[in-house]
């Protein structure tokens, strides 16, 4: 009964799919520069880079065009890999920007952009990244929003923190009115949603073959004055981590 009441409230608040999580924030800007920071492009210059979870290849193509020696985009979806290859050809970087489901080449830098909150097995992903890395290489991870961010529910963020107020059952039922993939849990929606928090990310790294060389928590601009170690889960916009092989 409680689930049904929540569902009815959600239907009233948002009869169709929400529009809170589009990519418009990056319009006219480099997504990599915004998410990874100013030092990113100088760091990858002349390096072999693996873009882990490359999607349609936009980030990989940009890295190839901005100084990387070679970029290998990895993704498990062949349809997006085909789109990525076409993207590389259109931008004239097909000789230095390759796309595949896997690679045996070791990278100087493994990059993961906007993906860690979506991986179904993030611990397994860290192990794979470790195997793809040169002994002196590094993994650059950037993702957000995390689960306790106001919009950490992604599509389920009908309003700030809605995903924490409404039950998973009610939110999934509401989603089923405009999505037909049959998902019954957050983890089953397109792209996946693993409810990643900053603390969970740190715990995963601690149990992995990689270690944190640095961790930067970029605050939400409007909440930056309230951002500290006690409020970080609720006031962090972007998580940036640099990982190296454990010694």
C-alpha atoms as a PDB file:
ATOM      1  CA  UNK A   1       0.000   0.000   0.000  1.00  0.00           C
ATOM      2  CA  UNK A   2       2.840   2.384   0.914  1.00  0.00           C
ATOM      3  CA  UNK A   3       4.590   1.588  -2.381  1.00  0.00           C
ATOM      4  CA  UNK A   4       1.396   2.325  -4.289  1.00  0.00           C
ATOM      5  CA  UNK A   5       1.011   5.688  -2.526  1.00  0.00           C
ATOM      6  CA  UNK A   6       4.588   6.638  -3.391  1.00  0.00           C
ATOM      7  CA  UNK A   7       4.020   5.543  -6.971  1.00  0.00           C
ATOM      8  CA  UNK A   8       0.944   7.760  -7.260  1.00  0.00           C
ATOM      9  CA  UNK A   9       2.905  10.720  -5.878  1.00  0.00           C
ATOM     10  CA  UNK A  10       5.701  10.117  -8.388  1.00  0.00           C
ATOM     11  CA  UNK A  11       3.202   9.903 -11.244  1.00  0.00           C
ATOM     12  CA  UNK A  12       1.740  13.222 -10.150  1.00  0.00           C
ATOM     13  CA  UNK A  13       5.137  14.891  -9.842  1.00  0.00           C
ATOM     14  CA  UNK A  14       6.518  13.536 -13.110  1.00  0.00           C
ATOM     15  CA  UNK A  15       4.020  11.937 -15.523  1.00  0.00           C
ATOM     16  CA  UNK A  16       6.823  11.204 -18.008  1.00  0.00           C
ATOM     17  CA  UNK A  17      10.566  10.709 -17.873  1.00  0.00           C
ATOM     18  CA  UNK A  18      12.578  13.422 -16.084  1.00  0.00           C
ATOM     19  CA  UNK A  19      14.991  15.715 -17.882  1.00  0.00           C
ATOM     20  CA  UNK A  20      17.434  16.308 -15.026  1.00  0.00           C
ATOM     21  CA  UNK A  21      20.402  14.307 -16.238  1.00  0.00           C
ATOM     22  CA  UNK A  22      21.117  15.442 -19.769  1.00  0.00           C
ATOM     23  CA  UNK A  23      24.516  16.400 -21.125  1.00  0.00           C
ATOM     24  CA  UNK A  24      23.620  20.064 -21.648  1.00  0.00           C
ATOM     25  CA  UNK A  25      25.949  21.097 -18.847  1.00  0.00           C
ATOM     26  CA  UNK A  26      28.899  20.366 -21.178  1.00  0.00           C
ATOM     27  CA  UNK A  27      27.525  22.272 -24.174  1.00  0.00           C
ATOM     28  CA  UNK A  28      30.336  24.326 -25.684  1.00  0.00           C
ATOM     29  CA  UNK A  29      32.847  22.796 -23.247  1.00  0.00           C
ATOM     30  CA  UNK A  30      35.153  19.804 -23.136  1.00  0.00           C
ATOM     31  CA  UNK A  31      33.576  17.211 -20.855  1.00  0.00           C
ATOM     32  CA  UNK A  32      37.045  15.811 -20.129  1.00  0.00           C
ATOM     33  CA  UNK A  33      38.386  19.207 -19.117  1.00  0.00           C
ATOM     34  CA  UNK A  34      35.401  19.837 -16.835  1.00  0.00           C
ATOM     35  CA  UNK A  35      35.447  16.427 -15.164  1.00  0.00           C
ATOM     36  CA  UNK A  36      39.150  15.562 -15.139  1.00  0.00           C
ATOM     37  CA  UNK A  37      40.605  18.993 -14.416  1.00  0.00           C
ATOM     38  CA  UNK A  38      43.086  21.335 -16.069  1.00  0.00           C
ATOM     39  CA  UNK A  39      46.095  19.019 -15.732  1.00  0.00           C
ATOM     40  CA  UNK A  40      44.516  16.134 -17.631  1.00  0.00           C
ATOM     41  CA  UNK A  41      45.535  16.858 -21.223  1.00  0.00           C
ATOM     42  CA  UNK A  42      49.200  17.669 -20.434  1.00  0.00           C
ATOM     43  CA  UNK A  43      49.338  14.413 -18.437  1.00  0.00           C
ATOM     44  CA  UNK A  44      48.209  12.196 -21.341  1.00  0.00           C
ATOM     45  CA  UNK A  45      50.446  13.894 -23.943  1.00  0.00           C
ATOM     46  CA  UNK A  46      52.628  11.280 -25.686  1.00  0.00           C
ATOM     47  CA  UNK A  47      51.116   8.425 -23.628  1.00  0.00           C
ATOM     48  CA  UNK A  48      49.306   5.224 -24.509  1.00  0.00           C
ATOM     49  CA  UNK A  49      45.845   5.602 -23.002  1.00  0.00           C
ATOM     50  CA  UNK A  50      43.041   3.095 -22.488  1.00  0.00           C
ATOM     51  CA  UNK A  51      39.589   4.644 -22.259  1.00  0.00           C
ATOM     52  CA  UNK A  52      37.765   2.058 -20.148  1.00  0.00           C
ATOM     53  CA  UNK A  53      34.054   2.050 -20.938  1.00  0.00           C
ATOM     54  CA  UNK A  54      34.511   4.317 -23.946  1.00  0.00           C
ATOM     55  CA  UNK A  55      30.907   4.334 -25.165  1.00  0.00           C
ATOM     56  CA  UNK A  56      30.517   6.151 -28.462  1.00  0.00           C
ATOM     57  CA  UNK A  57      34.154   7.226 -28.377  1.00  0.00           C
ATOM     58  CA  UNK A  58      33.803  10.985 -27.956  1.00  0.00           C
ATOM     59  CA  UNK A  59      36.285  11.140 -25.079  1.00  0.00           C
ATOM     60  CA  UNK A  60      38.761   8.763 -26.728  1.00  0.00           C
ATOM     61  CA  UNK A  61      38.646  10.755 -29.965  1.00  0.00           C
ATOM     62  CA  UNK A  62      39.246  13.980 -28.076  1.00  0.00           C
ATOM     63  CA  UNK A  63      42.235  12.472 -26.236  1.00  0.00           C
ATOM     64  CA  UNK A  64      43.710  11.267 -29.545  1.00  0.00           C
ATOM     65  CA  UNK A  65      43.251  14.738 -31.024  1.00  0.00           C
ATOM     66  CA  UNK A  66      44.813  16.462 -28.039  1.00  0.00           C
ATOM     67  CA  UNK A  67      48.174  14.802 -27.735  1.00  0.00           C
ATOM     68  CA  UNK A  68      47.878  11.161 -26.656  1.00  0.00           C
ATOM     69  CA  UNK A  69      50.263   8.851 -28.516  1.00  0.00           C
ATOM     70  CA  UNK A  70      47.567   6.200 -28.925  1.00  0.00           C
ATOM     71  CA  UNK A  71      44.118   5.725 -27.423  1.00  0.00           C
ATOM     72  CA  UNK A  72      42.410   2.348 -27.123  1.00  0.00           C
ATOM     73  CA  UNK A  73      38.710   2.547 -26.343  1.00  0.00           C
ATOM     74  CA  UNK A  74      37.317  -0.494 -24.536  1.00  0.00           C
ATOM     75  CA  UNK A  75      33.623  -1.340 -24.291  1.00  0.00           C
ATOM     76  CA  UNK A  76      31.589  -4.559 -24.183  1.00  0.00           C
ATOM     77  CA  UNK A  77      28.906  -3.236 -26.566  1.00  0.00           C
ATOM     78  CA  UNK A  78      29.733  -3.812 -30.216  1.00  0.00           C
ATOM     79  CA  UNK A  79      27.106  -1.330 -31.430  1.00  0.00           C
ATOM     80  CA  UNK A  80      28.723   1.591 -29.591  1.00  0.00           C
ATOM     81  CA  UNK A  81      32.186   0.443 -30.727  1.00  0.00           C
ATOM     82  CA  UNK A  82      31.029   0.699 -34.334  1.00  0.00           C
ATOM     83  CA  UNK A  83      29.762   4.212 -33.692  1.00  0.00           C
ATOM     84  CA  UNK A  84      33.078   5.058 -31.996  1.00  0.00           C
ATOM     85  CA  UNK A  85      35.073   3.856 -35.013  1.00  0.00           C
ATOM     86  CA  UNK A  86      32.975   6.024 -37.302  1.00  0.00           C
ATOM     87  CA  UNK A  87      33.526   8.918 -34.921  1.00  0.00           C
ATOM     88  CA  UNK A  88      37.310   8.432 -35.116  1.00  0.00           C
ATOM     89  CA  UNK A  89      37.215   8.384 -38.921  1.00  0.00           C
ATOM     90  CA  UNK A  90      35.089  11.539 -39.031  1.00  0.00           C
ATOM     91  CA  UNK A  91      37.642  13.341 -36.822  1.00  0.00           C
ATOM     92  CA  UNK A  92      40.639  11.952 -38.738  1.00  0.00           C
ATOM     93  CA  UNK A  93      42.217  10.127 -35.782  1.00  0.00           C
ATOM     94  CA  UNK A  94      41.526   6.523 -36.828  1.00  0.00           C
ATOM     95  CA  UNK A  95      45.258   5.737 -37.005  1.00  0.00           C
ATOM     96  CA  UNK A  96      45.855   6.575 -33.348  1.00  0.00           C
ATOM     97  CA  UNK A  97      42.413   5.892 -31.868  1.00  0.00           C
ATOM     98  CA  UNK A  98      41.329   2.247 -31.851  1.00  0.00           C
ATOM     99  CA  UNK A  99      38.245   0.569 -30.400  1.00  0.00           C
ATOM    100  CA  UNK A 100      37.759  -3.022 -29.234  1.00  0.00           C
ATOM    101  CA  UNK A 101      36.096  -5.259 -26.644  1.00  0.00           C
ATOM    102  CA  UNK A 102      39.505  -6.048 -25.127  1.00  0.00           C
ATOM    103  CA  UNK A 103      43.214  -5.445 -25.601  1.00  0.00           C
ATOM    104  CA  UNK A 104      46.500  -7.065 -24.649  1.00  0.00           C
ATOM    105  CA  UNK A 105      48.403  -3.797 -24.906  1.00  0.00           C
ATOM    106  CA  UNK A 106      49.378  -2.266 -21.587  1.00  0.00           C
ATOM    107  CA  UNK A 107      48.668   1.407 -21.045  1.00  0.00           C
ATOM    108  CA  UNK A 108      50.593   4.233 -19.443  1.00  0.00           C
ATOM    109  CA  UNK A 109      47.240   5.614 -18.296  1.00  0.00           C
ATOM    110  CA  UNK A 110      43.843   3.947 -17.913  1.00  0.00           C
ATOM    111  CA  UNK A 111      41.020   6.478 -17.908  1.00  0.00           C
ATOM    112  CA  UNK A 112      37.519   5.925 -16.528  1.00  0.00           C
ATOM    113  CA  UNK A 113      35.119   8.809 -17.071  1.00  0.00           C
ATOM    114  CA  UNK A 114      31.633   8.999 -15.572  1.00  0.00           C
ATOM    115  CA  UNK A 115      31.339   5.226 -15.185  1.00  0.00           C
ATOM    116  CA  UNK A 116      32.168   4.000 -11.678  1.00  0.00           C
ATOM    117  CA  UNK A 117      28.659   4.566 -10.366  1.00  0.00           C
ATOM    118  CA  UNK A 118      27.374   2.285 -13.164  1.00  0.00           C
ATOM    119  CA  UNK A 119      29.652  -0.781 -13.039  1.00  0.00           C
ATOM    120  CA  UNK A 120      27.865  -3.953 -11.929  1.00  0.00           C
ATOM    121  CA  UNK A 121      31.107  -5.358 -10.478  1.00  0.00           C
ATOM    122  CA  UNK A 122      33.348  -2.395  -9.633  1.00  0.00           C
ATOM    123  CA  UNK A 123      35.786  -4.586  -7.669  1.00  0.00           C
ATOM    124  CA  UNK A 124      36.242  -6.793 -10.728  1.00  0.00           C
ATOM    125  CA  UNK A 125      36.708  -3.712 -12.906  1.00  0.00           C
ATOM    126  CA  UNK A 126      39.551  -2.495 -10.674  1.00  0.00           C
ATOM    127  CA  UNK A 127      41.264  -5.864 -11.093  1.00  0.00           C
ATOM    128  CA  UNK A 128      40.931  -5.660 -14.884  1.00  0.00           C
ATOM    129  CA  UNK A 129      42.295  -2.113 -14.870  1.00  0.00           C
ATOM    130  CA  UNK A 130      45.288  -3.288 -12.874  1.00  0.00           C
ATOM    131  CA  UNK A 131      46.045  -5.949 -15.516  1.00  0.00           C
ATOM    132  CA  UNK A 132      45.833  -3.349 -18.298  1.00  0.00           C
ATOM    133  CA  UNK A 133      48.348  -1.037 -16.639  1.00  0.00           C
ATOM    134  CA  UNK A 134      52.100  -0.690 -17.098  1.00  0.00           C
ATOM    135  CA  UNK A 135      54.008  -1.238 -13.806  1.00  0.00           C
ATOM    136  CA  UNK A 136      54.606   2.500 -13.468  1.00  0.00           C
ATOM    137  CA  UNK A 137      51.276   3.539 -14.960  1.00  0.00           C
ATOM    138  CA  UNK A 138      48.254   5.118 -13.333  1.00  0.00           C
ATOM    139  CA  UNK A 139      44.484   4.937 -13.440  1.00  0.00           C
ATOM    140  CA  UNK A 140      42.610   8.239 -13.601  1.00  0.00           C
ATOM    141  CA  UNK A 141      39.036   7.874 -12.390  1.00  0.00           C
ATOM    142  CA  UNK A 142      36.399  10.570 -12.449  1.00  0.00           C
ATOM    143  CA  UNK A 143      32.713  10.054 -11.732  1.00  0.00           C
ATOM    144  CA  UNK A 144      29.612  11.566 -10.230  1.00  0.00           C
ATOM    145  CA  UNK A 145      27.075  12.187  -8.996  1.00  0.00           C
ATOM    146  CA  UNK A 146      27.512   9.647  -6.210  1.00  0.00           C
ATOM    147  CA  UNK A 147      24.513   8.122  -4.456  1.00  0.00           C
ATOM    148  CA  UNK A 148      23.964  10.783  -1.756  1.00  0.00           C
ATOM    149  CA  UNK A 149      24.335  13.711  -4.169  1.00  0.00           C
ATOM    150  CA  UNK A 150      21.019  15.594  -4.627  1.00  0.00           C
ATOM    151  CA  UNK A 151      20.747  14.033  -8.097  1.00  0.00           C
ATOM    152  CA  UNK A 152      22.570  10.800  -7.230  1.00  0.00           C
ATOM    153  CA  UNK A 153      19.601   8.755  -8.403  1.00  0.00           C
ATOM    154  CA  UNK A 154      20.243   9.936 -11.968  1.00  0.00           C
ATOM    155  CA  UNK A 155      16.984   9.281 -13.855  1.00  0.00           C
ATOM    156  CA  UNK A 156      15.246   8.624 -10.522  1.00  0.00           C
ATOM    157  CA  UNK A 157      16.041  12.142  -9.279  1.00  0.00           C
ATOM    158  CA  UNK A 158      12.587  13.614  -9.876  1.00  0.00           C
ATOM    159  CA  UNK A 159      13.674  16.295  -7.389  1.00  0.00           C
ATOM    160  CA  UNK A 160      16.772  16.550  -5.161  1.00  0.00           C
ATOM    161  CA  UNK A 161      17.261  13.408  -3.040  1.00  0.00           C
ATOM    162  CA  UNK A 162      14.008  11.865  -4.341  1.00  0.00           C
ATOM    163  CA  UNK A 163      15.843   8.551  -4.760  1.00  0.00           C
ATOM    164  CA  UNK A 164      16.485   8.512  -0.982  1.00  0.00           C
ATOM    165  CA  UNK A 165      12.920   9.429  -0.069  1.00  0.00           C
ATOM    166  CA  UNK A 166      10.986   7.022  -2.296  1.00  0.00           C
ATOM    167  CA  UNK A 167      11.434   3.261  -2.187  1.00  0.00           C
ATOM    168  CA  UNK A 168      13.227   1.360  -4.933  1.00  0.00           C
ATOM    169  CA  UNK A 169       9.989  -0.506  -5.735  1.00  0.00           C
ATOM    170  CA  UNK A 170       8.007   2.714  -6.163  1.00  0.00           C
ATOM    171  CA  UNK A 171      10.705   4.330  -8.315  1.00  0.00           C
ATOM    172  CA  UNK A 172      11.085   1.264 -10.526  1.00  0.00           C
ATOM    173  CA  UNK A 173       7.306   1.044 -10.951  1.00  0.00           C
ATOM    174  CA  UNK A 174       7.179   4.735 -11.900  1.00  0.00           C
ATOM    175  CA  UNK A 175      10.038   4.212 -14.393  1.00  0.00           C
ATOM    176  CA  UNK A 176       8.179   1.308 -16.009  1.00  0.00           C
ATOM    177  CA  UNK A 177       5.515   3.754 -17.249  1.00  0.00           C
ATOM    178  CA  UNK A 178       7.984   5.192 -19.776  1.00  0.00           C
ATOM    179  CA  UNK A 179      10.713   2.494 -20.000  1.00  0.00           C
ATOM    180  CA  UNK A 180       9.968  -1.010 -21.234  1.00  0.00           C
ATOM    181  CA  UNK A 181      13.179  -2.958 -20.533  1.00  0.00           C
ATOM    182  CA  UNK A 182      11.669  -4.879 -17.603  1.00  0.00           C
ATOM    183  CA  UNK A 183      14.166  -3.657 -14.984  1.00  0.00           C
ATOM    184  CA  UNK A 184      13.139  -4.564 -11.430  1.00  0.00           C
ATOM    185  CA  UNK A 185      16.078  -3.063  -9.527  1.00  0.00           C
ATOM    186  CA  UNK A 186      18.343  -0.004  -9.807  1.00  0.00           C
ATOM    187  CA  UNK A 187      21.177  -2.281 -10.924  1.00  0.00           C
ATOM    188  CA  UNK A 188      19.132  -3.558 -13.889  1.00  0.00           C
ATOM    189  CA  UNK A 189      18.317  -0.229 -15.551  1.00  0.00           C
ATOM    190  CA  UNK A 190      20.080   0.738 -18.761  1.00  0.00           C
ATOM    191  CA  UNK A 191      23.667   1.609 -17.878  1.00  0.00           C
ATOM    192  CA  UNK A 192      23.251   0.190 -14.372  1.00  0.00           C
ATOM    193  CA  UNK A 193      23.234   2.068 -11.081  1.00  0.00           C
ATOM    194  CA  UNK A 194      25.245   0.559  -8.221  1.00  0.00           C
ATOM    195  CA  UNK A 195      24.496   3.203  -5.544  1.00  0.00           C
ATOM    196  CA  UNK A 196      28.167   4.169  -5.327  1.00  0.00           C
ATOM    197  CA  UNK A 197      29.187   6.411  -2.433  1.00  0.00           C
ATOM    198  CA  UNK A 198      32.537   8.013  -1.679  1.00  0.00           C
ATOM    199  CA  UNK A 199      33.032   5.694   1.297  1.00  0.00           C
ATOM    200  CA  UNK A 200      32.190   2.648  -0.835  1.00  0.00           C
ATOM    201  CA  UNK A 201      34.665   3.772  -3.496  1.00  0.00           C
ATOM    202  CA  UNK A 202      37.418   4.116  -0.890  1.00  0.00           C
ATOM    203  CA  UNK A 203      36.555   0.681   0.509  1.00  0.00           C
ATOM    204  CA  UNK A 204      36.716  -0.880  -2.952  1.00  0.00           C
ATOM    205  CA  UNK A 205      40.146   0.647  -3.595  1.00  0.00           C
ATOM    206  CA  UNK A 206      41.420  -0.555  -0.215  1.00  0.00           C
ATOM    207  CA  UNK A 207      40.557  -4.135  -1.177  1.00  0.00           C
ATOM    208  CA  UNK A 208      41.939  -3.926  -4.706  1.00  0.00           C
ATOM    209  CA  UNK A 209      45.419  -4.382  -6.248  1.00  0.00           C
ATOM    210  CA  UNK A 210      45.481  -0.603  -6.729  1.00  0.00           C
ATOM    211  CA  UNK A 211      45.927   2.140  -4.167  1.00  0.00           C
ATOM    212  CA  UNK A 212      44.870   5.768  -4.022  1.00  0.00           C
ATOM    213  CA  UNK A 213      47.717   8.120  -4.847  1.00  0.00           C
ATOM    214  CA  UNK A 214      45.315  11.047  -4.573  1.00  0.00           C
ATOM    215  CA  UNK A 215      41.618  11.708  -4.105  1.00  0.00           C
ATOM    216  CA  UNK A 216      39.949  15.007  -4.952  1.00  0.00           C
ATOM    217  CA  UNK A 217      36.335  15.717  -4.050  1.00  0.00           C
ATOM    218  CA  UNK A 218      34.987  18.626  -6.081  1.00  0.00           C
ATOM    219  CA  UNK A 219      32.121  20.288  -4.191  1.00  0.00           C
ATOM    220  CA  UNK A 220      28.762  21.288  -5.613  1.00  0.00           C
ATOM    221  CA  UNK A 221      29.246  25.002  -6.297  1.00  0.00           C
ATOM    222  CA  UNK A 222      26.161  26.150  -4.404  1.00  0.00           C
ATOM    223  CA  UNK A 223      27.085  23.972  -1.424  1.00  0.00           C
ATOM    224  CA  UNK A 224      30.839  24.553  -1.395  1.00  0.00           C
ATOM    225  CA  UNK A 225      30.757  26.501   1.871  1.00  0.00           C
ATOM    226  CA  UNK A 226      29.152  23.485   3.560  1.00  0.00           C
ATOM    227  CA  UNK A 227      31.544  20.943   2.051  1.00  0.00           C
ATOM    228  CA  UNK A 228      33.700  19.107   4.595  1.00  0.00           C
ATOM    229  CA  UNK A 229      34.601  15.588   5.679  1.00  0.00           C
ATOM    230  CA  UNK A 230      31.297  15.207   7.506  1.00  0.00           C
ATOM    231  CA  UNK A 231      29.043  16.453   4.682  1.00  0.00           C
ATOM    232  CA  UNK A 232      31.084  15.227   1.706  1.00  0.00           C
ATOM    233  CA  UNK A 233      28.650  12.478   0.676  1.00  0.00           C
ATOM    234  CA  UNK A 234      25.858  15.048   0.232  1.00  0.00           C
ATOM    235  CA  UNK A 235      27.853  18.002  -1.125  1.00  0.00           C
ATOM    236  CA  UNK A 236      30.357  16.473  -3.571  1.00  0.00           C
ATOM    237  CA  UNK A 237      29.729  16.972  -7.284  1.00  0.00           C
ATOM    238  CA  UNK A 238      32.650  15.036  -8.783  1.00  0.00           C
ATOM    239  CA  UNK A 239      35.055  12.417  -7.441  1.00  0.00           C
ATOM    240  CA  UNK A 240      38.537  12.382  -8.979  1.00  0.00           C
ATOM    241  CA  UNK A 241      40.960   9.628  -8.084  1.00  0.00           C
ATOM    242  CA  UNK A 242      44.482   8.761  -9.183  1.00  0.00           C
ATOM    243  CA  UNK A 243      45.306   5.102  -8.638  1.00  0.00           C
ATOM    244  CA  UNK A 244      48.616   3.283  -8.914  1.00  0.00           C
ATOM    245  CA  UNK A 245      49.689  -0.315  -8.484  1.00  0.00           C
ATOM    246  CA  UNK A 246      49.983  -1.332  -4.843  1.00  0.00           C
ATOM    247  CA  UNK A 247      53.575  -1.703  -3.679  1.00  0.00           C
END
